[in-house]
């Protein structure tokens, strides 16, 4: 995200700086949900780390 932020600010101007915390929050929530869904799915189908 830190590599994307300067590009986003360059493209959108100063208004991008105000929405950047929201974008970071959404990205964190998305990654947590993805991990939960992947973990639950792997558990349900019986994938075991051994």
PDB file of N, CA and C in Angstrom:
ATOM      1  N   UNK A   1       0.816  -1.193   0.000  1.00  0.00           N
ATOM      2  CA  UNK A   1       0.000   0.000   0.000  1.00  0.00           C
ATOM      3  C   UNK A   1       0.856   1.251   0.000  1.00  0.00           C
ATOM      4  N   UNK A   2       2.012   1.168   0.644  1.00  0.00           N
ATOM      5  CA  UNK A   2       2.859   2.348   0.712  1.00  0.00           C
ATOM      6  C   UNK A   2       3.455   2.694  -0.653  1.00  0.00           C
ATOM      7  N   UNK A   3       3.527   1.708  -1.532  1.00  0.00           N
ATOM      8  CA  UNK A   3       3.996   1.989  -2.889  1.00  0.00           C
ATOM      9  C   UNK A   3       2.861   2.566  -3.735  1.00  0.00           C
ATOM     10  N   UNK A   4       1.632   2.178  -3.409  1.00  0.00           N
ATOM     11  CA  UNK A   4       0.475   2.628  -4.175  1.00  0.00           C
ATOM     12  C   UNK A   4       0.036   4.036  -3.783  1.00  0.00           C
ATOM     13  N   UNK A   5       0.264   4.422  -2.527  1.00  0.00           N
ATOM     14  CA  UNK A   5      -0.207   5.715  -2.041  1.00  0.00           C
ATOM     15  C   UNK A   5       0.334   6.901  -2.843  1.00  0.00           C
ATOM     16  N   UNK A   6       1.633   6.977  -3.132  1.00  0.00           N
ATOM     17  CA  UNK A   6       2.110   8.122  -3.920  1.00  0.00           C
ATOM     18  C   UNK A   6       1.487   8.188  -5.321  1.00  0.00           C
ATOM     19  N   UNK A   7       1.270   7.035  -5.924  1.00  0.00           N
ATOM     20  CA  UNK A   7       0.648   6.998  -7.249  1.00  0.00           C
ATOM     21  C   UNK A   7      -0.791   7.498  -7.157  1.00  0.00           C
ATOM     22  N   UNK A   8      -1.495   7.044  -6.124  1.00  0.00           N
ATOM     23  CA  UNK A   8      -2.883   7.450  -5.933  1.00  0.00           C
ATOM     24  C   UNK A   8      -2.981   8.959  -5.684  1.00  0.00           C
ATOM     25  N   UNK A   9      -2.106   9.479  -4.858  1.00  0.00           N
ATOM     26  CA  UNK A   9      -2.112  10.915  -4.571  1.00  0.00           C
ATOM     27  C   UNK A   9      -1.770  11.708  -5.826  1.00  0.00           C
ATOM     28  N   UNK A  10      -0.841  11.203  -6.632  1.00  0.00           N
ATOM     29  CA  UNK A  10      -0.471  11.890  -7.881  1.00  0.00           C
ATOM     30  C   UNK A  10      -1.655  11.914  -8.854  1.00  0.00           C
ATOM     31  N   UNK A  11      -2.397  10.820  -8.923  1.00  0.00           N
ATOM     32  CA  UNK A  11      -3.515  10.737  -9.868  1.00  0.00           C
ATOM     33  C   UNK A  11      -4.731  11.535  -9.400  1.00  0.00           C
ATOM     34  N   UNK A  12      -5.018  11.488  -8.097  1.00  0.00           N
ATOM     35  CA  UNK A  12      -6.242  12.102  -7.586  1.00  0.00           C
ATOM     36  C   UNK A  12      -6.029  13.470  -6.961  1.00  0.00           C
ATOM     37  N   UNK A  13      -4.803  13.839  -6.746  1.00  0.00           N
ATOM     38  CA  UNK A  13      -4.539  15.120  -6.107  1.00  0.00           C
ATOM     39  C   UNK A  13      -4.645  15.024  -4.597  1.00  0.00           C
ATOM     40  N   UNK A  14      -4.836  16.139  -3.964  1.00  0.00           N
ATOM     41  CA  UNK A  14      -4.835  16.166  -2.505  1.00  0.00           C
ATOM     42  C   UNK A  14      -6.052  15.471  -1.895  1.00  0.00           C
ATOM     43  N   UNK A  15      -7.102  15.279  -2.657  1.00  0.00           N
ATOM     44  CA  UNK A  15      -8.284  14.605  -2.107  1.00  0.00           C
ATOM     45  C   UNK A  15      -7.991  13.144  -1.781  1.00  0.00           C
ATOM     46  N   UNK A  16      -6.984  12.561  -2.408  1.00  0.00           N
ATOM     47  CA  UNK A  16      -6.624  11.172  -2.124  1.00  0.00           C
ATOM     48  C   UNK A  16      -6.096  11.020  -0.710  1.00  0.00           C
ATOM     49  N   UNK A  17      -5.449  12.038  -0.192  1.00  0.00           N
ATOM     50  CA  UNK A  17      -4.897  11.949   1.161  1.00  0.00           C
ATOM     51  C   UNK A  17      -5.997  11.813   2.208  1.00  0.00           C
ATOM     52  N   UNK A  18      -7.172  12.321   1.923  1.00  0.00           N
ATOM     53  CA  UNK A  18      -8.264  12.230   2.903  1.00  0.00           C
ATOM     54  C   UNK A  18      -8.919  10.858   2.914  1.00  0.00           C
ATOM     55  N   UNK A  19      -8.892  10.134   1.797  1.00  0.00           N
ATOM     56  CA  UNK A  19      -9.519   8.821   1.758  1.00  0.00           C
ATOM     57  C   UNK A  19      -8.525   7.686   1.981  1.00  0.00           C
ATOM     58  N   UNK A  20      -7.249   7.988   2.052  1.00  0.00           N
ATOM     59  CA  UNK A  20      -6.238   6.941   2.198  1.00  0.00           C
ATOM     60  C   UNK A  20      -6.438   6.101   3.454  1.00  0.00           C
ATOM     61  N   UNK A  21      -6.736   6.674   4.618  1.00  0.00           N
ATOM     62  CA  UNK A  21      -6.984   5.816   5.790  1.00  0.00           C
ATOM     63  C   UNK A  21      -8.166   4.863   5.594  1.00  0.00           C
ATOM     64  N   UNK A  22      -9.197   5.302   4.890  1.00  0.00           N
ATOM     65  CA  UNK A  22     -10.338   4.429   4.607  1.00  0.00           C
ATOM     66  C   UNK A  22      -9.921   3.268   3.715  1.00  0.00           C
ATOM     67  N   UNK A  23      -9.106   3.557   2.720  1.00  0.00           N
ATOM     68  CA  UNK A  23      -8.637   2.521   1.802  1.00  0.00           C
ATOM     69  C   UNK A  23      -7.795   1.501   2.562  1.00  0.00           C
ATOM     70  N   UNK A  24      -6.935   1.969   3.454  1.00  0.00           N
ATOM     71  CA  UNK A  24      -6.113   1.056   4.250  1.00  0.00           C
ATOM     72  C   UNK A  24      -6.980   0.186   5.152  1.00  0.00           C
ATOM     73  N   UNK A  25      -7.998   0.780   5.756  1.00  0.00           N
ATOM     74  CA  UNK A  25      -8.897   0.022   6.618  1.00  0.00           C
ATOM     75  C   UNK A  25      -9.656  -1.048   5.857  1.00  0.00           C
ATOM     76  N   UNK A  26     -10.139  -0.702   4.686  1.00  0.00           N
ATOM     77  CA  UNK A  26     -10.864  -1.661   3.854  1.00  0.00           C
ATOM     78  C   UNK A  26      -9.932  -2.795   3.421  1.00  0.00           C
ATOM     79  N   UNK A  27      -8.686  -2.470   3.112  1.00  0.00           N
ATOM     80  CA  UNK A  27      -7.718  -3.490   2.710  1.00  0.00           C
ATOM     81  C   UNK A  27      -7.440  -4.461   3.857  1.00  0.00           C
ATOM     82  N   UNK A  28      -7.304  -3.946   5.064  1.00  0.00           N
ATOM     83  CA  UNK A  28      -7.061  -4.812   6.219  1.00  0.00           C
ATOM     84  C   UNK A  28      -8.254  -5.723   6.461  1.00  0.00           C
ATOM     85  N   UNK A  29      -9.450  -5.170   6.426  1.00  0.00           N
ATOM     86  CA  UNK A  29     -10.662  -5.976   6.631  1.00  0.00           C
ATOM     87  C   UNK A  29     -10.783  -7.041   5.540  1.00  0.00           C
ATOM     88  N   UNK A  30     -10.491  -6.666   4.309  1.00  0.00           N
ATOM     89  CA  UNK A  30     -10.545  -7.624   3.200  1.00  0.00           C
ATOM     90  C   UNK A  30      -9.567  -8.771   3.379  1.00  0.00           C
ATOM     91  N   UNK A  31      -8.354  -8.474   3.822  1.00  0.00           N
ATOM     92  CA  UNK A  31      -7.366  -9.523   4.037  1.00  0.00           C
ATOM     93  C   UNK A  31      -7.760 -10.447   5.195  1.00  0.00           C
ATOM     94  N   UNK A  32      -8.329  -9.883   6.241  1.00  0.00           N
ATOM     95  CA  UNK A  32      -8.778 -10.706   7.371  1.00  0.00           C
ATOM     96  C   UNK A  32      -9.911 -11.629   6.935  1.00  0.00           C
ATOM     97  N   UNK A  33     -10.879 -11.084   6.200  1.00  0.00           N
ATOM     98  CA  UNK A  33     -11.987 -11.911   5.716  1.00  0.00           C
ATOM     99  C   UNK A  33     -11.505 -13.002   4.769  1.00  0.00           C
ATOM    100  N   UNK A  34     -10.580 -12.675   3.889  1.00  0.00           N
ATOM    101  CA  UNK A  34     -10.031 -13.667   2.964  1.00  0.00           C
ATOM    102  C   UNK A  34      -9.347 -14.790   3.740  1.00  0.00           C
ATOM    103  N   UNK A  35      -8.553 -14.433   4.730  1.00  0.00           N
ATOM    104  CA  UNK A  35      -7.868 -15.442   5.526  1.00  0.00           C
ATOM    105  C   UNK A  35      -8.832 -16.327   6.295  1.00  0.00           C
ATOM    106  N   UNK A  36      -9.876 -15.729   6.862  1.00  0.00           N
ATOM    107  CA  UNK A  36     -10.872 -16.518   7.585  1.00  0.00           C
ATOM    108  C   UNK A  36     -11.596 -17.497   6.662  1.00  0.00           C
ATOM    109  N   UNK A  37     -12.018 -17.007   5.514  1.00  0.00           N
ATOM    110  CA  UNK A  37     -12.728 -17.864   4.560  1.00  0.00           C
ATOM    111  C   UNK A  37     -11.816 -18.981   4.067  1.00  0.00           C
ATOM    112  N   UNK A  38     -10.580 -18.664   3.770  1.00  0.00           N
ATOM    113  CA  UNK A  38      -9.634 -19.675   3.308  1.00  0.00           C
ATOM    114  C   UNK A  38      -9.365 -20.699   4.406  1.00  0.00           C
ATOM    115  N   UNK A  39      -9.174 -20.238   5.636  1.00  0.00           N
ATOM    116  CA  UNK A  39      -8.921 -21.157   6.749  1.00  0.00           C
ATOM    117  C   UNK A  39     -10.103 -22.058   7.040  1.00  0.00           C
ATOM    118  N   UNK A  40     -11.297 -21.497   7.057  1.00  0.00           N
ATOM    119  CA  UNK A  40     -12.494 -22.303   7.303  1.00  0.00           C
ATOM    120  C   UNK A  40     -12.702 -23.308   6.177  1.00  0.00           C
ATOM    121  N   UNK A  41     -12.503 -22.889   4.957  1.00  0.00           N
ATOM    122  CA  UNK A  41     -12.664 -23.793   3.813  1.00  0.00           C
ATOM    123  C   UNK A  41     -11.665 -24.935   3.864  1.00  0.00           C
ATOM    124  N   UNK A  42     -10.418 -24.621   4.177  1.00  0.00           N
ATOM    125  CA  UNK A  42      -9.393 -25.668   4.261  1.00  0.00           C
ATOM    126  C   UNK A  42      -9.718 -26.634   5.397  1.00  0.00           C
ATOM    127  N   UNK A  43     -10.216 -26.113   6.519  1.00  0.00           N
ATOM    128  CA  UNK A  43     -10.585 -26.975   7.637  1.00  0.00           C
ATOM    129  C   UNK A  43     -11.748 -27.899   7.257  1.00  0.00           C
ATOM    130  N   UNK A  44     -12.731 -27.359   6.551  1.00  0.00           N
ATOM    131  CA  UNK A  44     -13.919 -28.132   6.167  1.00  0.00           C
ATOM    132  C   UNK A  44     -13.582 -29.257   5.200  1.00  0.00           C
ATOM    133  N   UNK A  45     -12.633 -29.019   4.265  1.00  0.00           N
ATOM    134  CA  UNK A  45     -12.297 -30.065   3.305  1.00  0.00           C
ATOM    135  C   UNK A  45     -11.218 -30.997   3.834  1.00  0.00           C
ATOM    136  N   UNK A  46     -10.692 -30.688   5.006  1.00  0.00           N
ATOM    137  CA  UNK A  46      -9.765 -31.614   5.656  1.00  0.00           C
ATOM    138  C   UNK A  46      -8.309 -31.427   5.295  1.00  0.00           C
ATOM    139  N   UNK A  47      -7.904 -30.244   4.895  1.00  0.00           N
ATOM    140  CA  UNK A  47      -6.488 -29.991   4.604  1.00  0.00           C
ATOM    141  C   UNK A  47      -5.759 -29.917   5.934  1.00  0.00           C
ATOM    142  N   UNK A  48      -4.727 -30.707   6.082  1.00  0.00           N
ATOM    143  CA  UNK A  48      -3.952 -30.714   7.318  1.00  0.00           C
ATOM    144  C   UNK A  48      -2.486 -30.403   7.007  1.00  0.00           C
ATOM    145  N   UNK A  49      -1.889 -29.609   7.847  1.00  0.00           N
ATOM    146  CA  UNK A  49      -0.457 -29.352   7.721  1.00  0.00           C
ATOM    147  C   UNK A  49       0.281 -30.413   8.523  1.00  0.00           C
ATOM    148  N   UNK A  50       1.123 -31.179   7.838  1.00  0.00           N
ATOM    149  CA  UNK A  50       1.852 -32.201   8.563  1.00  0.00           C
ATOM    150  C   UNK A  50       3.259 -32.353   8.058  1.00  0.00           C
TER     151      UNK A  50
END
